[in-house]
């Protein structure tokens, strides 16, 4: 079976997000001062072939832990759907 994973990787809440802070400041400059606390991350999609959804989830977790996510500075979550 094939599965599609939609992965969201975000900076840890405890860490400063300089990119998000810059965008928040720009919102003020654009007159959009009702928008604040912007946090910017990454969105990754991929396909995985596996025998079951549980096996696919394990492979996606391994990819995130070993390559896609810097666990010192980021956290991730993903949604898995059969395609």
PDB file of N, CA and C in Angstrom:
ATOM      1  N   UNK A   1       0.839  -1.181   0.000  1.00  0.00           N
ATOM      2  CA  UNK A   1       0.000   0.000   0.000  1.00  0.00           C
ATOM      3  C   UNK A   1       0.886   1.247   0.000  1.00  0.00           C
ATOM      4  N   UNK A   2       0.333   2.301  -0.553  1.00  0.00           N
ATOM      5  CA  UNK A   2       1.049   3.587  -0.551  1.00  0.00           C
ATOM      6  C   UNK A   2       0.301   4.571   0.335  1.00  0.00           C
ATOM      7  N   UNK A   3       1.091   5.369   1.031  1.00  0.00           N
ATOM      8  CA  UNK A   3       0.542   6.375   1.935  1.00  0.00           C
ATOM      9  C   UNK A   3       1.184   7.720   1.642  1.00  0.00           C
ATOM     10  N   UNK A   4       0.415   8.785   1.865  1.00  0.00           N
ATOM     11  CA  UNK A   4       0.936  10.145   1.745  1.00  0.00           C
ATOM     12  C   UNK A   4       1.049  10.724   3.144  1.00  0.00           C
ATOM     13  N   UNK A   5       2.209  11.261   3.445  1.00  0.00           N
ATOM     14  CA  UNK A   5       2.430  11.906   4.741  1.00  0.00           C
ATOM     15  C   UNK A   5       2.523  13.414   4.542  1.00  0.00           C
ATOM     16  N   UNK A   6       1.772  14.156   5.322  1.00  0.00           N
ATOM     17  CA  UNK A   6       1.878  15.613   5.393  1.00  0.00           C
ATOM     18  C   UNK A   6       2.524  15.921   6.735  1.00  0.00           C
ATOM     19  N   UNK A   7       3.749  16.447   6.679  1.00  0.00           N
ATOM     20  CA  UNK A   7       4.547  16.655   7.884  1.00  0.00           C
ATOM     21  C   UNK A   7       4.698  18.157   8.139  1.00  0.00           C
ATOM     22  N   UNK A   8       4.422  18.565   9.370  1.00  0.00           N
ATOM     23  CA  UNK A   8       4.643  19.957   9.790  1.00  0.00           C
ATOM     24  C   UNK A   8       5.760  19.968  10.822  1.00  0.00           C
ATOM     25  N   UNK A   9       6.788  20.764  10.545  1.00  0.00           N
ATOM     26  CA  UNK A   9       7.932  20.912  11.443  1.00  0.00           C
ATOM     27  C   UNK A   9       7.975  22.364  11.894  1.00  0.00           C
ATOM     28  N   UNK A  10       7.973  22.556  13.212  1.00  0.00           N
ATOM     29  CA  UNK A  10       7.940  23.904  13.772  1.00  0.00           C
ATOM     30  C   UNK A  10       9.051  24.082  14.788  1.00  0.00           C
ATOM     31  N   UNK A  11       9.517  25.329  14.964  1.00  0.00           N
ATOM     32  CA  UNK A  11      10.485  25.587  16.036  1.00  0.00           C
ATOM     33  C   UNK A  11       9.839  25.290  17.389  1.00  0.00           C
ATOM     34  N   UNK A  12      10.625  24.816  18.323  1.00  0.00           N
ATOM     35  CA  UNK A  12      10.107  24.581  19.667  1.00  0.00           C
ATOM     36  C   UNK A  12       9.583  25.882  20.258  1.00  0.00           C
ATOM     37  N   UNK A  13       8.504  25.796  21.017  1.00  0.00           N
ATOM     38  CA  UNK A  13       7.881  26.987  21.608  1.00  0.00           C
ATOM     39  C   UNK A  13       8.850  27.772  22.487  1.00  0.00           C
ATOM     40  N   UNK A  14       9.757  27.080  23.164  1.00  0.00           N
ATOM     41  CA  UNK A  14      10.675  27.733  24.092  1.00  0.00           C
ATOM     42  C   UNK A  14      11.761  28.533  23.376  1.00  0.00           C
ATOM     43  N   UNK A  15      11.914  28.329  22.074  1.00  0.00           N
ATOM     44  CA  UNK A  15      12.988  28.994  21.330  1.00  0.00           C
ATOM     45  C   UNK A  15      12.479  30.212  20.571  1.00  0.00           C
ATOM     46  N   UNK A  16      13.334  31.181  20.442  1.00  0.00           N
ATOM     47  CA  UNK A  16      13.039  32.367  19.653  1.00  0.00           C
ATOM     48  C   UNK A  16      12.934  31.980  18.182  1.00  0.00           C
ATOM     49  N   UNK A  17      11.965  32.535  17.479  1.00  0.00           N
ATOM     50  CA  UNK A  17      11.795  32.312  16.045  1.00  0.00           C
ATOM     51  C   UNK A  17      12.058  33.637  15.329  1.00  0.00           C
ATOM     52  N   UNK A  18      13.324  33.904  14.935  1.00  0.00           N
ATOM     53  CA  UNK A  18      13.649  35.202  14.338  1.00  0.00           C
ATOM     54  C   UNK A  18      12.875  35.488  13.055  1.00  0.00           C
ATOM     55  N   UNK A  19      12.633  34.460  12.266  1.00  0.00           N
ATOM     56  CA  UNK A  19      11.878  34.654  11.027  1.00  0.00           C
ATOM     57  C   UNK A  19      10.434  35.051  11.345  1.00  0.00           C
ATOM     58  N   UNK A  20       9.828  34.359  12.298  1.00  0.00           N
ATOM     59  CA  UNK A  20       8.469  34.697  12.713  1.00  0.00           C
ATOM     60  C   UNK A  20       8.382  36.080  13.321  1.00  0.00           C
ATOM     61  N   UNK A  21       9.406  36.447  14.101  1.00  0.00           N
ATOM     62  CA  UNK A  21       9.437  37.779  14.719  1.00  0.00           C
ATOM     63  C   UNK A  21       9.504  38.871  13.650  1.00  0.00           C
ATOM     64  N   UNK A  22      10.311  38.655  12.612  1.00  0.00           N
ATOM     65  CA  UNK A  22      10.424  39.626  11.519  1.00  0.00           C
ATOM     66  C   UNK A  22       9.089  39.773  10.787  1.00  0.00           C
ATOM     67  N   UNK A  23       8.401  38.666  10.566  1.00  0.00           N
ATOM     68  CA  UNK A  23       7.102  38.728   9.895  1.00  0.00           C
ATOM     69  C   UNK A  23       6.083  39.433  10.789  1.00  0.00           C
ATOM     70  N   UNK A  24       6.109  39.161  12.079  1.00  0.00           N
ATOM     71  CA  UNK A  24       5.199  39.849  13.004  1.00  0.00           C
ATOM     72  C   UNK A  24       5.399  41.352  12.936  1.00  0.00           C
ATOM     73  N   UNK A  25       6.659  41.801  12.927  1.00  0.00           N
ATOM     74  CA  UNK A  25       6.956  43.230  12.852  1.00  0.00           C
ATOM     75  C   UNK A  25       6.461  43.817  11.531  1.00  0.00           C
ATOM     76  N   UNK A  26       6.631  43.047  10.455  1.00  0.00           N
ATOM     77  CA  UNK A  26       6.154  43.513   9.148  1.00  0.00           C
ATOM     78  C   UNK A  26       4.635  43.642   9.122  1.00  0.00           C
ATOM     79  N   UNK A  27       3.941  42.782   9.844  1.00  0.00           N
ATOM     80  CA  UNK A  27       2.477  42.886   9.925  1.00  0.00           C
ATOM     81  C   UNK A  27       2.092  44.241  10.518  1.00  0.00           C
ATOM     82  N   UNK A  28       2.802  44.662  11.564  1.00  0.00           N
ATOM     83  CA  UNK A  28       2.554  45.985  12.160  1.00  0.00           C
ATOM     84  C   UNK A  28       2.741  47.075  11.114  1.00  0.00           C
ATOM     85  N   UNK A  29       3.848  46.980  10.356  1.00  0.00           N
ATOM     86  CA  UNK A  29       4.158  48.001   9.352  1.00  0.00           C
ATOM     87  C   UNK A  29       3.119  48.043   8.230  1.00  0.00           C
ATOM     88  N   UNK A  30       2.422  46.932   7.997  1.00  0.00           N
ATOM     89  CA  UNK A  30       1.400  46.872   6.949  1.00  0.00           C
ATOM     90  C   UNK A  30       0.009  47.225   7.467  1.00  0.00           C
ATOM     91  N   UNK A  31      -0.059  47.637   8.724  1.00  0.00           N
ATOM     92  CA  UNK A  31      -1.346  47.984   9.309  1.00  0.00           C
ATOM     93  C   UNK A  31      -2.138  46.757   9.744  1.00  0.00           C
ATOM     94  N   UNK A  32      -1.477  45.629   9.866  1.00  0.00           N
ATOM     95  CA  UNK A  32      -2.140  44.396  10.293  1.00  0.00           C
ATOM     96  C   UNK A  32      -1.734  44.067  11.732  1.00  0.00           C
ATOM     97  N   UNK A  33      -1.873  45.066  12.609  1.00  0.00           N
ATOM     98  CA  UNK A  33      -1.423  44.911  13.986  1.00  0.00           C
ATOM     99  C   UNK A  33      -2.278  43.938  14.795  1.00  0.00           C
ATOM    100  N   UNK A  34      -3.350  43.428  14.208  1.00  0.00           N
ATOM    101  CA  UNK A  34      -4.168  42.428  14.892  1.00  0.00           C
ATOM    102  C   UNK A  34      -3.539  41.026  14.777  1.00  0.00           C
ATOM    103  N   UNK A  35      -2.505  40.907  13.948  1.00  0.00           N
ATOM    104  CA  UNK A  35      -1.795  39.633  13.778  1.00  0.00           C
ATOM    105  C   UNK A  35      -0.503  39.704  14.576  1.00  0.00           C
ATOM    106  N   UNK A  36      -0.269  38.696  15.423  1.00  0.00           N
ATOM    107  CA  UNK A  36       0.941  38.684  16.241  1.00  0.00           C
ATOM    108  C   UNK A  36       1.391  37.253  16.493  1.00  0.00           C
ATOM    109  N   UNK A  37       2.545  37.126  17.125  1.00  0.00           N
ATOM    110  CA  UNK A  37       3.099  35.818  17.497  1.00  0.00           C
ATOM    111  C   UNK A  37       3.191  34.854  16.323  1.00  0.00           C
ATOM    112  N   UNK A  38       3.679  35.337  15.197  1.00  0.00           N
ATOM    113  CA  UNK A  38       3.851  34.491  14.015  1.00  0.00           C
ATOM    114  C   UNK A  38       5.003  33.527  14.269  1.00  0.00           C
ATOM    115  N   UNK A  39       4.809  32.252  13.936  1.00  0.00           N
ATOM    116  CA  UNK A  39       5.852  31.231  14.014  1.00  0.00           C
ATOM    117  C   UNK A  39       5.930  30.600  12.630  1.00  0.00           C
ATOM    118  N   UNK A  40       7.123  30.451  12.131  1.00  0.00           N
ATOM    119  CA  UNK A  40       7.320  29.925  10.783  1.00  0.00           C
ATOM    120  C   UNK A  40       8.062  28.600  10.855  1.00  0.00           C
ATOM    121  N   UNK A  41       7.547  27.629  10.118  1.00  0.00           N
ATOM    122  CA  UNK A  41       8.143  26.300  10.093  1.00  0.00           C
ATOM    123  C   UNK A  41       8.228  25.767   8.669  1.00  0.00           C
ATOM    124  N   UNK A  42       8.239  24.445   8.567  1.00  0.00           N
ATOM    125  CA  UNK A  42       8.339  23.777   7.265  1.00  0.00           C
ATOM    126  C   UNK A  42       7.165  22.820   7.107  1.00  0.00           C
ATOM    127  N   UNK A  43       6.725  22.656   5.861  1.00  0.00           N
ATOM    128  CA  UNK A  43       5.718  21.651   5.533  1.00  0.00           C
ATOM    129  C   UNK A  43       6.318  20.739   4.471  1.00  0.00           C
ATOM    130  N   UNK A  44       6.319  19.447   4.731  1.00  0.00           N
ATOM    131  CA  UNK A  44       6.909  18.468   3.830  1.00  0.00           C
ATOM    132  C   UNK A  44       5.859  17.417   3.505  1.00  0.00           C
ATOM    133  N   UNK A  45       5.743  17.042   2.241  1.00  0.00           N
ATOM    134  CA  UNK A  45       4.889  15.912   1.865  1.00  0.00           C
ATOM    135  C   UNK A  45       5.774  14.840   1.255  1.00  0.00           C
ATOM    136  N   UNK A  46       5.407  13.595   1.509  1.00  0.00           N
ATOM    137  CA  UNK A  46       6.140  12.480   0.910  1.00  0.00           C
ATOM    138  C   UNK A  46       5.219  11.277   0.821  1.00  0.00           C
ATOM    139  N   UNK A  47       5.611  10.318  -0.019  1.00  0.00           N
ATOM    140  CA  UNK A  47       4.878   9.067  -0.136  1.00  0.00           C
ATOM    141  C   UNK A  47       5.744   7.945   0.394  1.00  0.00           C
ATOM    142  N   UNK A  48       5.098   6.976   1.022  1.00  0.00           N
ATOM    143  CA  UNK A  48       5.814   5.825   1.562  1.00  0.00           C
ATOM    144  C   UNK A  48       5.022   4.564   1.230  1.00  0.00           C
ATOM    145  N   UNK A  49       5.729   3.535   0.798  1.00  0.00           N
ATOM    146  CA  UNK A  49       5.122   2.222   0.565  1.00  0.00           C
ATOM    147  C   UNK A  49       5.322   1.380   1.818  1.00  0.00           C
ATOM    148  N   UNK A  50       4.231   0.794   2.304  1.00  0.00           N
ATOM    149  CA  UNK A  50       4.309  -0.021   3.520  1.00  0.00           C
ATOM    150  C   UNK A  50       3.167  -1.023   3.535  1.00  0.00           C
ATOM    151  N   UNK A  51       3.323  -2.042   4.366  1.00  0.00           N
ATOM    152  CA  UNK A  51       2.306  -3.092   4.482  1.00  0.00           C
ATOM    153  C   UNK A  51       1.060  -2.614   5.223  1.00  0.00           C
ATOM    154  N   UNK A  52       1.249  -1.650   6.132  1.00  0.00           N
ATOM    155  CA  UNK A  52       0.129  -1.146   6.927  1.00  0.00           C
ATOM    156  C   UNK A  52       0.362   0.322   7.270  1.00  0.00           C
ATOM    157  N   UNK A  53      -0.691   0.954   7.769  1.00  0.00           N
ATOM    158  CA  UNK A  53      -0.577   2.356   8.184  1.00  0.00           C
ATOM    159  C   UNK A  53       0.400   2.498   9.339  1.00  0.00           C
ATOM    160  N   UNK A  54       0.425   1.514  10.228  1.00  0.00           N
ATOM    161  CA  UNK A  54       1.346   1.550  11.371  1.00  0.00           C
ATOM    162  C   UNK A  54       2.804   1.477  10.899  1.00  0.00           C
ATOM    163  N   UNK A  55       3.075   0.613   9.915  1.00  0.00           N
ATOM    164  CA  UNK A  55       4.433   0.523   9.359  1.00  0.00           C
ATOM    165  C   UNK A  55       4.824   1.820   8.674  1.00  0.00           C
ATOM    166  N   UNK A  56       3.880   2.411   7.940  1.00  0.00           N
ATOM    167  CA  UNK A  56       4.150   3.678   7.254  1.00  0.00           C
ATOM    168  C   UNK A  56       4.439   4.778   8.271  1.00  0.00           C
ATOM    169  N   UNK A  57       3.667   4.816   9.356  1.00  0.00           N
ATOM    170  CA  UNK A  57       3.882   5.830  10.400  1.00  0.00           C
ATOM    171  C   UNK A  57       5.261   5.665  11.026  1.00  0.00           C
ATOM    172  N   UNK A  58       5.690   4.426  11.233  1.00  0.00           N
ATOM    173  CA  UNK A  58       7.018   4.175  11.798  1.00  0.00           C
ATOM    174  C   UNK A  58       8.110   4.681  10.862  1.00  0.00           C
ATOM    175  N   UNK A  59       7.961   4.449   9.561  1.00  0.00           N
ATOM    176  CA  UNK A  59       8.964   4.912   8.589  1.00  0.00           C
ATOM    177  C   UNK A  59       9.007   6.438   8.525  1.00  0.00           C
ATOM    178  N   UNK A  60       7.851   7.076   8.562  1.00  0.00           N
ATOM    179  CA  UNK A  60       7.809   8.544   8.541  1.00  0.00           C
ATOM    180  C   UNK A  60       8.457   9.099   9.808  1.00  0.00           C
ATOM    181  N   UNK A  61       8.168   8.488  10.950  1.00  0.00           N
ATOM    182  CA  UNK A  61       8.792   8.924  12.208  1.00  0.00           C
ATOM    183  C   UNK A  61      10.312   8.799  12.142  1.00  0.00           C
ATOM    184  N   UNK A  62      10.795   7.696  11.580  1.00  0.00           N
ATOM    185  CA  UNK A  62      12.239   7.512  11.439  1.00  0.00           C
ATOM    186  C   UNK A  62      12.842   8.580  10.530  1.00  0.00           C
ATOM    187  N   UNK A  63      12.170   8.898   9.419  1.00  0.00           N
ATOM    188  CA  UNK A  63      12.666   9.928   8.503  1.00  0.00           C
ATOM    189  C   UNK A  63      12.744  11.282   9.209  1.00  0.00           C
ATOM    190  N   UNK A  64      11.715  11.589   9.994  1.00  0.00           N
ATOM    191  CA  UNK A  64      11.707  12.866  10.725  1.00  0.00           C
ATOM    192  C   UNK A  64      12.810  12.895  11.776  1.00  0.00           C
ATOM    193  N   UNK A  65      12.923  11.808  12.550  1.00  0.00           N
ATOM    194  CA  UNK A  65      13.906  11.755  13.628  1.00  0.00           C
ATOM    195  C   UNK A  65      15.342  11.781  13.120  1.00  0.00           C
ATOM    196  N   UNK A  66      15.598  11.123  11.992  1.00  0.00           N
ATOM    197  CA  UNK A  66      16.969  10.967  11.511  1.00  0.00           C
ATOM    198  C   UNK A  66      17.410  12.029  10.515  1.00  0.00           C
ATOM    199  N   UNK A  67      16.451  12.687   9.825  1.00  0.00           N
ATOM    200  CA  UNK A  67      16.857  13.589   8.749  1.00  0.00           C
ATOM    201  C   UNK A  67      16.078  14.900   8.685  1.00  0.00           C
ATOM    202  N   UNK A  68      14.775  14.839   8.746  1.00  0.00           N
ATOM    203  CA  UNK A  68      13.961  16.009   8.428  1.00  0.00           C
ATOM    204  C   UNK A  68      13.847  17.032   9.551  1.00  0.00           C
ATOM    205  N   UNK A  69      13.946  16.587  10.790  1.00  0.00           N
ATOM    206  CA  UNK A  69      13.706  17.458  11.938  1.00  0.00           C
ATOM    207  C   UNK A  69      14.928  17.502  12.846  1.00  0.00           C
ATOM    208  N   UNK A  70      15.347  18.711  13.202  1.00  0.00           N
ATOM    209  CA  UNK A  70      16.405  18.893  14.191  1.00  0.00           C
ATOM    210  C   UNK A  70      15.725  18.919  15.559  1.00  0.00           C
ATOM    211  N   UNK A  71      15.711  17.782  16.246  1.00  0.00           N
ATOM    212  CA  UNK A  71      14.930  17.643  17.475  1.00  0.00           C
ATOM    213  C   UNK A  71      15.426  18.535  18.614  1.00  0.00           C
ATOM    214  N   UNK A  72      16.616  19.111  18.475  1.00  0.00           N
ATOM    215  CA  UNK A  72      17.103  20.048  19.491  1.00  0.00           C
ATOM    216  C   UNK A  72      16.330  21.364  19.404  1.00  0.00           C
ATOM    217  N   UNK A  73      15.945  21.744  18.182  1.00  0.00           N
ATOM    218  CA  UNK A  73      15.308  23.044  17.964  1.00  0.00           C
ATOM    219  C   UNK A  73      13.887  22.968  17.416  1.00  0.00           C
ATOM    220  N   UNK A  74      13.453  21.777  16.964  1.00  0.00           N
ATOM    221  CA  UNK A  74      12.174  21.671  16.273  1.00  0.00           C
ATOM    222  C   UNK A  74      11.351  20.481  16.805  1.00  0.00           C
ATOM    223  N   UNK A  75      10.063  20.559  16.558  1.00  0.00           N
ATOM    224  CA  UNK A  75       9.166  19.423  16.818  1.00  0.00           C
ATOM    225  C   UNK A  75       8.407  19.156  15.520  1.00  0.00           C
ATOM    226  N   UNK A  76       7.836  17.967  15.426  1.00  0.00           N
ATOM    227  CA  UNK A  76       7.078  17.636  14.220  1.00  0.00           C
ATOM    228  C   UNK A  76       5.804  16.890  14.567  1.00  0.00           C
ATOM    229  N   UNK A  77       4.882  16.944  13.623  1.00  0.00           N
ATOM    230  CA  UNK A  77       3.676  16.122  13.661  1.00  0.00           C
ATOM    231  C   UNK A  77       3.327  15.816  12.223  1.00  0.00           C
ATOM    232  N   UNK A  78       2.640  14.699  12.018  1.00  0.00           N
ATOM    233  CA  UNK A  78       2.279  14.372  10.646  1.00  0.00           C
ATOM    234  C   UNK A  78       0.922  13.684  10.589  1.00  0.00           C
ATOM    235  N   UNK A  79       0.333  13.771   9.395  1.00  0.00           N
ATOM    236  CA  UNK A  79      -0.933  13.131   9.089  1.00  0.00           C
ATOM    237  C   UNK A  79      -0.649  12.145   7.966  1.00  0.00           C
ATOM    238  N   UNK A  80      -1.181  10.957   8.050  1.00  0.00           N
ATOM    239  CA  UNK A  80      -0.903   9.897   7.096  1.00  0.00           C
ATOM    240  C   UNK A  80      -2.218   9.429   6.472  1.00  0.00           C
ATOM    241  N   UNK A  81      -2.263   9.406   5.120  1.00  0.00           N
ATOM    242  CA  UNK A  81      -3.461   8.965   4.416  1.00  0.00           C
ATOM    243  C   UNK A  81      -3.079   7.955   3.342  1.00  0.00           C
ATOM    244  N   UNK A  82      -3.917   6.970   3.157  1.00  0.00           N
ATOM    245  CA  UNK A  82      -3.677   5.993   2.101  1.00  0.00           C
ATOM    246  C   UNK A  82      -4.023   6.625   0.752  1.00  0.00           C
ATOM    247  N   UNK A  83      -3.154   6.376  -0.243  1.00  0.00           N
ATOM    248  CA  UNK A  83      -3.407   6.902  -1.599  1.00  0.00           C
ATOM    249  C   UNK A  83      -3.577   5.777  -2.586  1.00  0.00           C
TER     250      UNK A  83
END
